[in-house]
């Protein structure tokens, strides 16, 4: 993000880049209740276990924990892990659904942020990495670090 942008990062899924080979990023709006957006503005969100399902009825965000907003009282609270609707164009939804079915891909949330007055979710289309792929990635990263260290020492 640029330093002068009007985006405020609320939560990010750092493990997504390690567990998945990311193919494409998309920005989606999210349908929220009043207490949820207030809690998001306080930064009380966890998207690390979340995933996206795209059905005929639309795109749905599952298993994202948005903590309850304390000043709202007990009567106006929301379910912290309820399923939330993602706001995508119909063409985007059908394109993603076809791509997922054809190539056996997964859609995961990578970050949540406030853009202007609205809450947005950055979702990524990716392919899950196997255990040996993760090991190869770690070995490559460590060898690159060793090379950089040896260059800096000289």
Protein backbone atom coordinates (compact mmCIF):
# COMPACT_ATOMS: atom_id res chain seq x y z
CA UNK A 1 0.00 0.00 0.00
CA UNK A 2 1.19 3.50 -0.74
CA UNK A 3 1.89 5.70 2.29
CA UNK A 4 -0.68 8.33 1.22
CA UNK A 5 -3.48 5.91 0.33
CA UNK A 6 -6.75 5.99 2.23
CA UNK A 7 -6.55 2.27 3.10
CA UNK A 8 -6.20 1.16 6.70
CA UNK A 9 -5.12 -2.46 7.08
CA UNK A 10 -7.19 -4.20 9.73
CA UNK A 11 -6.14 -7.85 9.44
CA UNK A 12 -3.99 -9.97 7.16
CA UNK A 13 -3.54 -13.67 6.52
CA UNK A 14 0.23 -14.06 6.36
CA UNK A 15 0.13 -17.86 6.16
CA UNK A 16 -1.84 -17.75 2.91
CA UNK A 17 1.25 -17.06 0.81
CA UNK A 18 3.01 -20.02 2.41
CA UNK A 19 0.13 -22.51 2.27
CA UNK A 20 -1.12 -21.57 -1.21
CA UNK A 21 0.41 -20.74 -4.55
CA UNK A 22 -1.44 -17.49 -5.26
CA UNK A 23 -2.61 -17.02 -8.86
CA UNK A 24 -4.79 -13.90 -8.67
CA UNK A 25 -5.89 -11.24 -6.17
CA UNK A 26 -9.34 -9.60 -6.15
CA UNK A 27 -10.97 -6.89 -4.05
CA UNK A 28 -14.48 -7.53 -2.74
CA UNK A 29 -16.88 -5.58 -0.60
CA UNK A 30 -18.46 -7.27 2.39
CA UNK A 31 -22.01 -7.07 3.72
CA UNK A 32 -21.90 -6.31 7.45
CA UNK A 33 -24.09 -5.37 10.38
CA UNK A 34 -23.53 -2.15 12.33
CA UNK A 35 -21.77 -3.74 15.27
CA UNK A 36 -19.49 -5.68 12.91
CA UNK A 37 -18.17 -2.62 11.08
CA UNK A 38 -17.52 -0.88 14.39
CA UNK A 39 -15.58 -3.88 15.61
CA UNK A 40 -13.61 -4.01 12.34
CA UNK A 41 -12.66 -0.35 12.73
CA UNK A 42 -11.23 -1.26 16.15
CA UNK A 43 -9.18 -4.00 14.45
CA UNK A 44 -10.78 -6.93 16.25
CA UNK A 45 -10.78 -9.35 13.29
CA UNK A 46 -9.14 -12.71 12.60
CA UNK A 47 -9.20 -13.95 8.99
CA UNK A 48 -6.52 -16.64 9.23
CA UNK A 49 -9.02 -19.53 9.28
CA UNK A 50 -11.38 -18.02 6.72
CA UNK A 51 -12.32 -19.28 3.28
CA UNK A 52 -14.66 -18.22 0.46
CA UNK A 53 -17.37 -20.32 -1.15
CA UNK A 54 -18.88 -19.26 -4.45
CA UNK A 55 -22.35 -20.66 -5.04
CA UNK A 56 -25.23 -19.89 -7.38
CA UNK A 57 -26.56 -17.37 -4.85
CA UNK A 58 -23.28 -15.45 -4.55
CA UNK A 59 -19.90 -15.41 -2.85
CA UNK A 60 -19.84 -16.17 0.88
CA UNK A 61 -17.10 -15.60 3.44
CA UNK A 62 -16.95 -18.38 6.04
CA UNK A 63 -15.15 -18.80 9.36
CA UNK A 64 -13.89 -15.22 9.74
CA UNK A 65 -14.02 -14.11 13.37
CA UNK A 66 -15.19 -10.53 13.97
CA UNK A 67 -15.31 -9.93 17.72
CA UNK A 68 -18.44 -8.52 19.32
CA UNK A 69 -18.63 -4.76 19.80
CA UNK A 70 -18.75 -4.19 23.56
CA UNK A 71 -20.57 -0.79 23.72
CA UNK A 72 -23.50 -2.25 21.73
CA UNK A 73 -24.76 -4.23 24.72
CA UNK A 74 -25.98 -7.81 24.75
CA UNK A 75 -29.15 -7.32 22.70
CA UNK A 76 -27.55 -5.97 19.52
CA UNK A 77 -24.64 -8.41 19.22
CA UNK A 78 -23.81 -10.43 16.14
CA UNK A 79 -22.56 -14.01 15.85
CA UNK A 80 -18.74 -13.62 15.63
CA UNK A 81 -18.22 -16.35 13.00
CA UNK A 82 -21.37 -15.99 10.94
CA UNK A 83 -21.31 -16.41 7.16
CA UNK A 84 -21.03 -13.04 5.40
CA UNK A 85 -21.88 -12.16 1.82
CA UNK A 86 -19.11 -10.84 -0.42
CA UNK A 87 -20.05 -8.16 -2.91
CA UNK A 88 -18.73 -9.15 -6.34
CA UNK A 89 -20.11 -8.60 -9.82
CA UNK A 90 -22.04 -11.53 -11.26
CA UNK A 91 -19.53 -11.93 -14.11
CA UNK A 92 -16.65 -12.09 -11.62
CA UNK A 93 -18.48 -14.73 -9.59
CA UNK A 94 -19.18 -16.96 -12.59
CA UNK A 95 -15.61 -16.58 -13.90
CA UNK A 96 -14.14 -17.50 -10.52
CA UNK A 97 -16.55 -20.43 -10.06
CA UNK A 98 -15.67 -21.87 -13.48
CA UNK A 99 -11.95 -21.41 -12.83
CA UNK A 100 -12.18 -23.08 -9.43
CA UNK A 101 -14.12 -26.09 -10.76
CA UNK A 102 -11.86 -26.56 -13.77
CA UNK A 103 -8.45 -26.21 -12.09
CA UNK A 104 -9.24 -27.40 -8.52
CA UNK A 105 -8.40 -24.05 -6.92
CA UNK A 106 -9.30 -22.44 -3.60
CA UNK A 107 -10.43 -18.92 -2.75
CA UNK A 108 -9.10 -17.49 0.52
CA UNK A 109 -9.16 -14.07 2.19
CA UNK A 110 -5.68 -12.54 2.38
CA UNK A 111 -6.42 -9.20 4.03
CA UNK A 112 -9.21 -6.98 5.32
CA UNK A 113 -8.98 -3.22 5.29
CA UNK A 114 -11.00 -0.03 5.50
CA UNK A 115 -11.06 1.93 2.23
CA UNK A 116 -12.69 5.29 2.76
CA UNK A 117 -15.78 4.43 4.80
CA UNK A 118 -16.15 0.87 3.49
CA UNK A 119 -14.72 -2.43 4.65
CA UNK A 120 -13.08 -4.43 1.88
CA UNK A 121 -11.65 -7.94 1.72
CA UNK A 122 -8.78 -8.89 -0.56
CA UNK A 123 -9.37 -12.44 -1.72
CA UNK A 124 -6.91 -14.63 -3.56
CA UNK A 125 -7.40 -17.53 -5.93
CA UNK A 126 -4.75 -20.11 -5.25
CA UNK A 127 -3.72 -23.72 -5.39
CA UNK A 128 -2.88 -25.48 -2.13
CA UNK A 129 0.76 -26.44 -1.64
CA UNK A 130 1.71 -29.93 -0.58
CA UNK A 131 4.09 -30.61 2.27
CA UNK A 132 7.09 -31.27 0.02
CA UNK A 133 6.40 -28.05 -1.91
CA UNK A 134 6.54 -26.14 1.37
CA UNK A 135 9.83 -27.83 2.28
CA UNK A 136 11.33 -26.90 -1.09
CA UNK A 137 10.20 -23.30 -0.60
CA UNK A 138 11.86 -23.17 2.84
CA UNK A 139 15.12 -24.65 1.48
CA UNK A 140 15.19 -22.15 -1.38
CA UNK A 141 14.53 -19.24 0.98
CA UNK A 142 17.31 -20.34 3.35
CA UNK A 143 19.82 -20.77 0.53
CA UNK A 144 18.97 -17.27 -0.77
CA UNK A 145 19.58 -15.87 2.71
CA UNK A 146 22.95 -17.62 2.93
CA UNK A 147 23.98 -16.19 -0.44
CA UNK A 148 22.92 -12.69 0.60
CA UNK A 149 24.84 -13.00 3.89
CA UNK A 150 28.00 -14.11 2.13
CA UNK A 151 27.72 -11.20 -0.32
CA UNK A 152 27.27 -8.69 2.53
CA UNK A 153 30.28 -10.04 4.46
CA UNK A 154 32.65 -9.48 1.54
